[in-house]
Amino acid sequence: MRLDIRDVILVLGKTGYGKTWWTRLFTHSAKRLFVYDPLLKYDSVHFFANSSYLLETLEPEIEEFRIGISDPSEISVLGNVSFVKGNNILVLEELSTIFSRGQVTPQWAKRLIFLGRHRACSIIAIAQRPYSIPIDLRSQANRVISFAQMEGDDLSWLHDIYGNECIKKLPFLPPFTCIDYDGQEVCQYSIKTGIKSVFHVELESRPSNLFRFSEEKNLCLNP
């Protein structure tokens, strides 16, 4: 277990523009993966109806797993298991179904956010808007990916991360194109080539025929 390495990644943007595809691509080869997804969109992930089945299946000697839940009432169990198991990625889809704006961060999440580095627990938090993400989680992010954003409050928060030039582009990004700050530099790219290569799926920009753009950088990510 590499206890000195972990990521807290935020994936943001309008619905249908590529947040889940980006995350699926990033985690497609992850060997130790937990997923909360109310829409059950992740391939090669065994989703359990409730946490008791999950706990029965995840024996201590199991080294590789890709498992998840879709019920938000079970999220605390998944978060606690992620922390205890260690050396894994926890994907939290549709954060608005877990946290309310202004809500005090629950204890299971606080432990992962502030102590997860010691257990090599990485977090990928996915939301349409930055303010759907608790401030405790936003404050620890070391990577921020955003697809198209329109709201002034969201653009204002992202301005300090991306800078003037990228913020001007953000409302006009076509589907499946994102701006990515990896802790050192900011870049813009399309995920379409990566998705086609890994999942053999041709992503169609929406609305069709309204956008024309070149791919500035191929996505090549390894968890």
Foldseek 3Di string as FASTA:
>chain_A
DPLQDAAQEEEAADPPQQRVVVVLLQCVPFFAEEEAALVPPHPPEAEDAAVVVVVVPDDLVDDGHHYYYHDLVRVLVSLQVLQVNFQYEYEYPALLVNDDQPDDDDPSVLCCLPVVSRRRYYYYYYYHAPRSDDPSSVVRHQKYKYAADDDPVRLVVCCVVAPDVVSVCRNVGWGQKIWMDRNPDIDIFGAQVSCCVPVVDGDAIPPHPPDDDDGPDYDDHYD
